[in-house]
C-alpha atoms as a PDB file:
ATOM      1  CA  MET A   1     -36.310 -27.344 -72.935  1.00  0.00           C
ATOM      2  CA  PRO A   2     -35.116 -23.728 -73.520  1.00  0.00           C
ATOM      3  CA  ASP A   3     -34.100 -23.138 -69.854  1.00  0.00           C
ATOM      4  CA  GLN A   4     -31.805 -26.211 -69.767  1.00  0.00           C
ATOM      5  CA  PRO A   5     -28.200 -25.465 -69.376  1.00  0.00           C
ATOM      6  CA  SER A   6     -26.505 -26.294 -72.737  1.00  0.00           C
ATOM      7  CA  ALA A   7     -23.111 -27.734 -73.611  1.00  0.00           C
ATOM      8  CA  TRP A   8     -23.368 -26.341 -77.093  1.00  0.00           C
ATOM      9  CA  GLU A   9     -21.722 -22.920 -76.441  1.00  0.00           C
ATOM     10  CA  GLU A  10     -18.892 -24.751 -74.685  1.00  0.00           C
ATOM     11  CA  LEU A  11     -18.463 -27.006 -77.725  1.00  0.00           C
ATOM     12  CA  LEU A  12     -18.351 -24.140 -80.059  1.00  0.00           C
ATOM     13  CA  GLY A  13     -15.614 -22.666 -77.888  1.00  0.00           C
ATOM     14  CA  LEU A  14     -13.603 -25.838 -78.252  1.00  0.00           C
ATOM     15  CA  VAL A  15     -14.089 -25.714 -82.079  1.00  0.00           C
ATOM     16  CA  ASP A  16     -13.054 -22.140 -82.282  1.00  0.00           C
ATOM     17  CA  ALA A  17      -9.962 -22.767 -80.139  1.00  0.00           C
ATOM     18  CA  SER A  18      -8.935 -25.946 -81.956  1.00  0.00           C
ATOM     19  CA  PRO A  19      -5.550 -25.872 -83.740  1.00  0.00           C
ATOM     20  CA  LEU A  20      -7.012 -28.335 -86.272  1.00  0.00           C
ATOM     21  CA  ASP A  21      -9.083 -28.035 -89.358  1.00  0.00           C
ATOM     22  CA  VAL A  22     -12.709 -28.626 -88.001  1.00  0.00           C
ATOM     23  CA  ARG A  23     -15.852 -28.641 -89.883  1.00  0.00           C
ATOM     24  CA  LEU A  24     -19.300 -28.669 -88.453  1.00  0.00           C
ATOM     25  CA  LEU A  25     -21.936 -30.449 -90.663  1.00  0.00           C
ATOM     26  CA  ALA A  26     -25.470 -28.763 -90.881  1.00  0.00           C
ATOM     27  CA  PRO A  27     -28.012 -31.142 -89.324  1.00  0.00           C
ATOM     28  CA  ALA A  28     -30.201 -33.124 -91.776  1.00  0.00           C
ATOM     29  CA  GLY A  29     -33.953 -32.893 -91.066  1.00  0.00           C
ATOM     30  CA  ASP A  30     -35.149 -34.373 -87.786  1.00  0.00           C
ATOM     31  CA  LEU A  31     -32.555 -37.202 -87.592  1.00  0.00           C
ATOM     32  CA  GLY A  32     -30.829 -35.532 -84.687  1.00  0.00           C
ATOM     33  CA  ALA A  33     -34.061 -35.018 -82.683  1.00  0.00           C
ATOM     34  CA  ARG A  34     -35.170 -38.531 -83.314  1.00  0.00           C
ATOM     35  CA  ALA A  35     -31.776 -39.883 -82.115  1.00  0.00           C
ATOM     36  CA  ALA A  36     -31.712 -37.688 -79.087  1.00  0.00           C
ATOM     37  CA  GLY A  37     -35.259 -38.919 -78.186  1.00  0.00           C
ATOM     38  CA  ALA A  38     -34.344 -42.537 -78.646  1.00  0.00           C
ATOM     39  CA  LEU A  39     -31.251 -42.271 -76.532  1.00  0.00           C
ATOM     40  CA  GLY A  40     -32.643 -39.838 -73.974  1.00  0.00           C
ATOM     41  CA  LEU A  41     -30.161 -37.226 -74.682  1.00  0.00           C
ATOM     42  CA  THR A  42     -30.406 -33.479 -73.822  1.00  0.00           C
ATOM     43  CA  GLN A  43     -28.467 -30.346 -74.511  1.00  0.00           C
ATOM     44  CA  ARG A  44     -26.806 -30.641 -71.142  1.00  0.00           C
ATOM     45  CA  SER A  45     -24.366 -33.253 -72.409  1.00  0.00           C
ATOM     46  CA  TYR A  46     -21.792 -32.864 -75.165  1.00  0.00           C
ATOM     47  CA  LEU A  47     -23.349 -35.868 -77.144  1.00  0.00           C
ATOM     48  CA  GLY A  48     -26.852 -34.447 -76.708  1.00  0.00           C
ATOM     49  CA  ALA A  49     -25.752 -30.903 -77.737  1.00  0.00           C
ATOM     50  CA  MET A  50     -23.954 -32.383 -80.751  1.00  0.00           C
ATOM     51  CA  VAL A  51     -26.776 -34.585 -81.901  1.00  0.00           C
ATOM     52  CA  LEU A  52     -29.350 -31.767 -81.544  1.00  0.00           C
ATOM     53  CA  ASN A  53     -27.310 -28.966 -83.158  1.00  0.00           C
ATOM     54  CA  THR A  54     -25.024 -30.570 -85.817  1.00  0.00           C
ATOM     55  CA  GLY A  55     -24.795 -33.309 -88.297  1.00  0.00           C
ATOM     56  CA  GLY A  56     -21.416 -34.189 -87.061  1.00  0.00           C
ATOM     57  CA  LEU A  57     -17.917 -32.848 -86.571  1.00  0.00           C
ATOM     58  CA  ILE A  58     -15.199 -33.416 -89.268  1.00  0.00           C
ATOM     59  CA  VAL A  59     -11.778 -33.110 -87.629  1.00  0.00           C
ATOM     60  CA  ASP A  60      -8.149 -32.751 -89.020  1.00  0.00           C
ATOM     61  CA  HIS A  61      -8.980 -32.656 -92.812  1.00  0.00           C
ATOM     62  CA  GLY A  62     -11.490 -35.433 -92.572  1.00  0.00           C
ATOM     63  CA  TRP A  63      -9.242 -37.954 -90.674  1.00  0.00           C
ATOM     64  CA  LEU A  64     -11.659 -38.126 -87.823  1.00  0.00           C
ATOM     65  CA  ARG A  65     -15.443 -38.023 -88.099  1.00  0.00           C
ATOM     66  CA  LEU A  66     -17.467 -37.595 -84.807  1.00  0.00           C
ATOM     67  CA  HIS A  67     -21.061 -38.777 -85.234  1.00  0.00           C
ATOM     68  CA  ALA A  68     -23.887 -36.570 -84.091  1.00  0.00           C
ATOM     69  CA  GLY A  69     -27.289 -35.806 -85.788  1.00  0.00           C
ATOM     70  CA  GLY A  70     -26.227 -37.202 -89.179  1.00  0.00           C
ATOM     71  CA  GLY A  71     -26.193 -35.819 -92.722  1.00  0.00           C
ATOM     72  CA  HIS A  72     -23.933 -35.257 -95.685  1.00  0.00           C
ATOM     73  CA  ASP A  73     -22.955 -39.042 -95.979  1.00  0.00           C
ATOM     74  CA  LEU A  74     -22.215 -39.230 -92.221  1.00  0.00           C
ATOM     75  CA  ALA A  75     -24.562 -41.433 -90.278  1.00  0.00           C
ATOM     76  CA  ASP A  76     -26.405 -40.170 -87.212  1.00  0.00           C
ATOM     77  CA  VAL A  77     -25.119 -41.743 -83.920  1.00  0.00           C
ATOM     78  CA  LEU A  78     -28.097 -43.955 -83.707  1.00  0.00           C
ATOM     79  CA  THR A  79     -27.876 -45.371 -87.239  1.00  0.00           C
ATOM     80  CA  ALA A  80     -24.082 -45.718 -86.856  1.00  0.00           C
ATOM     81  CA  SER A  81     -24.522 -47.814 -83.759  1.00  0.00           C
ATOM     82  CA  GLU A  82     -27.188 -50.140 -85.213  1.00  0.00           C
ATOM     83  CA  GLN A  83     -25.282 -51.132 -88.265  1.00  0.00           C
ATOM     84  CA  GLY A  84     -24.168 -54.599 -87.573  1.00  0.00           C
ATOM     85  CA  GLY A  85     -24.728 -54.542 -83.827  1.00  0.00           C
ATOM     86  CA  SER A  86     -26.909 -53.178 -81.059  1.00  0.00           C
ATOM     87  CA  ARG A  87     -26.621 -49.819 -79.360  1.00  0.00           C
ATOM     88  CA  ALA A  88     -27.186 -51.790 -76.029  1.00  0.00           C
ATOM     89  CA  ASP A  89     -23.662 -53.235 -76.473  1.00  0.00           C
ATOM     90  CA  ARG A  90     -22.082 -49.924 -77.579  1.00  0.00           C
ATOM     91  CA  LEU A  91     -22.873 -46.598 -78.934  1.00  0.00           C
ATOM     92  CA  VAL A  92     -20.620 -45.735 -81.906  1.00  0.00           C
ATOM     93  CA  VAL A  93     -19.690 -42.075 -81.687  1.00  0.00           C
ATOM     94  CA  GLY A  94     -16.832 -41.597 -84.158  1.00  0.00           C
ATOM     95  CA  HIS A  95     -14.551 -43.234 -86.674  1.00  0.00           C
ATOM     96  CA  ASP A  96     -11.394 -42.478 -88.411  1.00  0.00           C
ATOM     97  CA  VAL A  97     -10.628 -42.581 -92.127  1.00  0.00           C
ATOM     98  CA  MET A  98      -8.648 -45.886 -91.712  1.00  0.00           C
ATOM     99  CA  GLY A  99     -11.695 -47.723 -90.452  1.00  0.00           C
ATOM    100  CA  GLY A 100     -11.045 -47.362 -86.613  1.00  0.00           C
ATOM    101  CA  LEU A 101     -14.095 -46.922 -84.494  1.00  0.00           C
ATOM    102  CA  PHE A 102     -14.752 -44.998 -81.241  1.00  0.00           C
ATOM    103  CA  ALA A 103     -17.658 -46.349 -79.187  1.00  0.00           C
ATOM    104  CA  ILE A 104     -19.066 -45.812 -75.668  1.00  0.00           C
ATOM    105  CA  ASP A 105     -19.251 -49.115 -73.878  1.00  0.00           C
ATOM    106  CA  GLY A 106     -22.796 -50.173 -73.044  1.00  0.00           C
ATOM    107  CA  GLY A 107     -21.644 -53.616 -71.734  1.00  0.00           C
ATOM    108  CA  GLY A 108     -20.331 -55.395 -74.790  1.00  0.00           C
ATOM    109  CA  LEU A 109     -16.747 -54.025 -75.132  1.00  0.00           C
ATOM    110  CA  GLY A 110     -15.156 -55.250 -71.859  1.00  0.00           C
ATOM    111  CA  ALA A 111     -14.568 -51.819 -70.341  1.00  0.00           C
ATOM    112  CA  ALA A 112     -16.524 -49.741 -67.762  1.00  0.00           C
ATOM    113  CA  ARG A 113     -20.021 -48.740 -68.921  1.00  0.00           C
ATOM    114  CA  GLY A 114     -19.835 -45.309 -70.422  1.00  0.00           C
ATOM    115  CA  GLU A 115     -16.116 -45.556 -71.182  1.00  0.00           C
ATOM    116  CA  VAL A 116     -14.994 -44.807 -74.729  1.00  0.00           C
ATOM    117  CA  CYS A 117     -13.183 -47.651 -76.461  1.00  0.00           C
ATOM    118  CA  TYR A 118     -11.322 -47.708 -79.764  1.00  0.00           C
ATOM    119  CA  TRP A 119     -11.250 -50.489 -82.275  1.00  0.00           C
ATOM    120  CA  GLY A 120      -8.219 -50.137 -84.639  1.00  0.00           C
ATOM    121  CA  PRO A 121      -7.486 -51.906 -87.965  1.00  0.00           C
ATOM    122  CA  ASP A 122      -3.908 -52.383 -86.748  1.00  0.00           C
ATOM    123  CA  THR A 123      -4.959 -54.316 -83.607  1.00  0.00           C
ATOM    124  CA  LEU A 124      -8.425 -55.769 -84.538  1.00  0.00           C
ATOM    125  CA  GLU A 125      -9.568 -55.386 -80.953  1.00  0.00           C
ATOM    126  CA  TRP A 126     -11.432 -52.994 -78.736  1.00  0.00           C
ATOM    127  CA  LEU A 127      -9.233 -51.099 -76.308  1.00  0.00           C
ATOM    128  CA  PRO A 128     -10.442 -48.862 -73.540  1.00  0.00           C
ATOM    129  CA  LEU A 129      -9.209 -45.294 -73.639  1.00  0.00           C
ATOM    130  CA  GLY A 130     -10.112 -44.132 -70.081  1.00  0.00           C
ATOM    131  CA  LEU A 131     -12.289 -41.314 -71.529  1.00  0.00           C
ATOM    132  CA  GLY A 132     -15.897 -40.405 -71.395  1.00  0.00           C
ATOM    133  CA  HIS A 133     -17.545 -38.886 -74.458  1.00  0.00           C
ATOM    134  CA  ALA A 134     -16.953 -35.248 -73.372  1.00  0.00           C
ATOM    135  CA  ASP A 135     -13.337 -36.162 -72.836  1.00  0.00           C
ATOM    136  CA  LEU A 136     -13.122 -37.775 -76.255  1.00  0.00           C
ATOM    137  CA  VAL A 137     -14.418 -34.712 -77.935  1.00  0.00           C
ATOM    138  CA  THR A 138     -12.103 -32.435 -76.074  1.00  0.00           C
ATOM    139  CA  TRP A 139      -9.105 -34.629 -76.753  1.00  0.00           C
ATOM    140  CA  ALA A 140      -9.977 -34.790 -80.492  1.00  0.00           C
ATOM    141  CA  LEU A 141     -10.337 -31.004 -80.816  1.00  0.00           C
ATOM    142  CA  SER A 142      -7.362 -30.100 -78.838  1.00  0.00           C
ATOM    143  CA  GLY A 143      -4.919 -31.851 -81.230  1.00  0.00           C
ATOM    144  CA  ASP A 144      -3.749 -34.338 -78.749  1.00  0.00           C
ATOM    145  CA  ALA A 145      -5.198 -37.180 -81.028  1.00  0.00           C
ATOM    146  CA  GLU A 146      -2.489 -36.553 -83.610  1.00  0.00           C
ATOM    147  CA  GLN A 147       0.001 -38.516 -81.676  1.00  0.00           C
ATOM    148  CA  PHE A 148      -2.552 -41.307 -81.197  1.00  0.00           C
ATOM    149  CA  PHE A 149      -2.837 -41.682 -85.029  1.00  0.00           C
ATOM    150  CA  ALA A 150       0.805 -41.107 -85.836  1.00  0.00           C
ATOM    151  CA  ASP A 151       1.610 -44.670 -86.729  1.00  0.00           C
ATOM    152  CA  MET A 152      -1.280 -44.851 -89.102  1.00  0.00           C
ATOM    153  CA  ARG A 153      -0.250 -41.803 -91.097  1.00  0.00           C
ATOM    154  CA  TRP A 154       2.006 -41.481 -94.132  1.00  0.00           C
ATOM    155  CA  PRO A 155       3.617 -38.545 -95.933  1.00  0.00           C
ATOM    156  CA  GLY A 156       0.912 -36.714 -97.955  1.00  0.00           C
ATOM    157  CA  TRP A 157      -1.994 -38.227 -96.190  1.00  0.00           C
ATOM    158  CA  ARG A 158      -3.971 -34.955 -96.166  1.00  0.00           C
ATOM    159  CA  SER A 159      -4.211 -34.880 -99.920  1.00  0.00           C
ATOM    160  CA  GLU A 160      -5.615 -38.476 -99.971  1.00  0.00           C
ATOM    161  CA  VAL A 161      -8.064 -37.931 -97.254  1.00  0.00           C
ATOM    162  CA  GLU A 162      -9.538 -34.419 -97.309  1.00  0.00           C
ATOM    163  CA  HIS A 163     -11.702 -34.898-100.385  1.00  0.00           C
ATOM    164  CA  LEU A 164     -13.016 -38.283 -99.534  1.00  0.00           C
ATOM    165  CA  ALA A 165     -16.825 -38.689 -99.109  1.00  0.00           C
ATOM    166  CA  LEU A 166     -17.747 -39.137 -95.390  1.00  0.00           C
ATOM    167  CA  ASP A 167     -19.072 -42.600 -96.092  1.00  0.00           C
ATOM    168  CA  HIS A 168     -15.642 -43.630 -97.647  1.00  0.00           C
ATOM    169  CA  GLY A 169     -12.284 -44.643 -95.910  1.00  0.00           C
ATOM    170  CA  ILE A 170      -8.718 -45.767 -96.786  1.00  0.00           C
ATOM    171  CA  SER A 171      -8.191 -49.443 -97.330  1.00  0.00           C
ATOM    172  CA  CYS A 172      -4.552 -50.657 -97.134  1.00  0.00           C
ATOM    173  CA  TYR A 173      -2.882 -53.689 -98.464  1.00  0.00           C
ATOM    174  CA  PRO A 174      -1.046 -55.401 -96.912  1.00  0.00           C
ATOM    175  CA  PHE A 175      -3.477 -54.935 -93.935  1.00  0.00           C
ATOM    176  CA  PRO A 176      -2.228 -52.682 -91.029  1.00  0.00           C
ATOM    177  CA  CYS A 177      -2.576 -55.626 -88.620  1.00  0.00           C
ATOM    178  CA  THR A 178       0.155 -57.577 -90.496  1.00  0.00           C
ATOM    179  CA  VAL A 179       3.924 -57.119 -90.143  1.00  0.00           C
ATOM    180  CA  GLU A 180       4.016 -56.174 -93.900  1.00  0.00           C
ATOM    181  CA  GLY A 181       1.355 -53.622 -93.466  1.00  0.00           C
ATOM    182  CA  GLN A 182       2.687 -51.746 -90.421  1.00  0.00           C
ATOM    183  CA  ASP A 183       4.480 -49.181 -92.578  1.00  0.00           C
ATOM    184  CA  ILE A 184       1.406 -47.486 -94.068  1.00  0.00           C
ATOM    185  CA  ALA A 185       3.542 -45.445 -96.494  1.00  0.00           C
ATOM    186  CA  ARG A 186       4.561 -48.644 -98.279  1.00  0.00           C
ATOM    187  CA  THR A 187       1.056 -50.140 -98.566  1.00  0.00           C
ATOM    188  CA  ARG A 188      -1.313 -50.033-101.497  1.00  0.00           C
ATOM    189  CA  ARG A 189      -3.932 -47.583-100.429  1.00  0.00           C
ATOM    190  CA  THR A 190      -7.452 -47.283-101.976  1.00  0.00           C
ATOM    191  CA  ALA A 191     -10.568 -45.265-101.185  1.00  0.00           C
ATOM    192  CA  VAL A 192     -13.502 -47.560-100.625  1.00  0.00           C
ATOM    193  CA  PRO A 193     -16.925 -47.326 -98.906  1.00  0.00           C
ATOM    194  CA  LEU A 194     -16.592 -47.750 -95.186  1.00  0.00           C
ATOM    195  CA  ALA A 195     -19.220 -50.488 -95.066  1.00  0.00           C
ATOM    196  CA  GLU A 196     -16.913 -52.552 -97.405  1.00  0.00           C
ATOM    197  CA  LEU A 197     -13.882 -51.743 -95.135  1.00  0.00           C
ATOM    198  CA  TRP A 198     -15.661 -52.817 -91.994  1.00  0.00           C
ATOM    199  CA  TYR A 199     -16.812 -55.972 -93.722  1.00  0.00           C
ATOM    200  CA  VAL A 200     -13.282 -56.978 -94.774  1.00  0.00           C
ATOM    201  CA  TYR A 201     -11.858 -56.192 -91.325  1.00  0.00           C
ATOM    202  CA  GLY A 202     -14.659 -58.085 -89.682  1.00  0.00           C
ATOM    203  CA  GLU A 203     -13.958 -61.219 -91.780  1.00  0.00           C
ATOM    204  CA  LEU A 204     -10.194 -60.791 -91.142  1.00  0.00           C
ATOM    205  CA  ALA A 205     -10.854 -60.556 -87.346  1.00  0.00           C
ATOM    206  CA  ARG A 206     -13.007 -63.616 -87.288  1.00  0.00           C
ATOM    207  CA  GLN A 207     -10.290 -65.559 -89.092  1.00  0.00           C
ATOM    208  CA  LEU A 208      -7.542 -64.291 -86.758  1.00  0.00           C
ATOM    209  CA  GLY A 209      -9.445 -64.390 -83.510  1.00  0.00           C
ATOM    210  CA  PRO A 210      -9.881 -60.736 -82.224  1.00  0.00           C
ATOM    211  CA  SER A 211     -13.106 -58.967 -82.275  1.00  0.00           C
ATOM    212  CA  ASP A 212     -15.245 -57.830 -85.138  1.00  0.00           C
ATOM    213  CA  PRO A 213     -15.503 -54.058 -85.187  1.00  0.00           C
ATOM    214  CA  ARG A 214     -19.220 -54.086 -85.804  1.00  0.00           C
ATOM    215  CA  ARG A 215     -20.237 -56.984 -83.649  1.00  0.00           C
ATOM    216  CA  PRO A 216     -18.637 -56.740 -80.216  1.00  0.00           C
ATOM    217  CA  GLU A 217     -18.360 -59.681 -77.948  1.00  0.00           C
ATOM    218  CA  ARG A 218     -20.251 -59.469 -74.693  1.00  0.00           C
ATOM    219  CA  HIS A 219     -17.859 -59.519 -71.690  1.00  0.00           C
ATOM    220  CA  GLY A 220     -20.362 -58.893 -68.996  1.00  0.00           C
ATOM    221  CA  ARG A 221     -18.426 -56.372 -67.096  1.00  0.00           C
ATOM    222  CA  GLY A 222     -20.024 -53.336 -65.464  1.00  0.00           C
ATOM    223  CA  GLY A 223     -18.882 -49.997 -64.246  1.00  0.00           C
ATOM    224  CA  GLY A 224     -19.882 -46.539 -63.447  1.00  0.00           C
ATOM    225  CA  ASP A 225     -21.432 -44.267 -66.027  1.00  0.00           C
ATOM    226  CA  VAL A 226     -19.318 -41.368 -67.309  1.00  0.00           C
ATOM    227  CA  GLU A 227     -20.589 -38.406 -69.294  1.00  0.00           C
END
């Protein structure tokens, strides 16, 4: 509705003020409108404003990809959440180039409903971040996420990451969850489709015990919604 207060201008202000390289993807067709309708989103929330106005946000030379309306090899938030799971369990709202996932807990991740959790290739488990979606976007654009990712980066990472297709990520061997793979600079790194990367980590997680990134366990915990 045109008279609804919109978060879009506020989001554009965050993008303009960001110290990081940030790229807004043009929306692709009506994917965003369909996703917004299915999820009941409006322009009043950051997620709704993103889904309805952009295909996604590409942050820090492509290291972080925030899902929105989809396009240019980046899945819309609805499609990203339905790949290998159910959006009733969690809503996938972003991923990093190493295969880490950001998702809003819908009851399947063991955090409060509406809280953003992160699944990392170095831990193979979902961890609550204590953030809502608006907080996640603000955090990502402010540059504070750089410290969060520091242990997963290596000298010269930008040149390996910035030209990757948005449906590709970086596979490391030895795996980041192993003792041998903790120093990413010493691993063998290969660009692979993200679907392949998530499959490998899912198989590894099932062998070792922690959760599969695409098929979260149901923990049955509730909590208050956050924006």
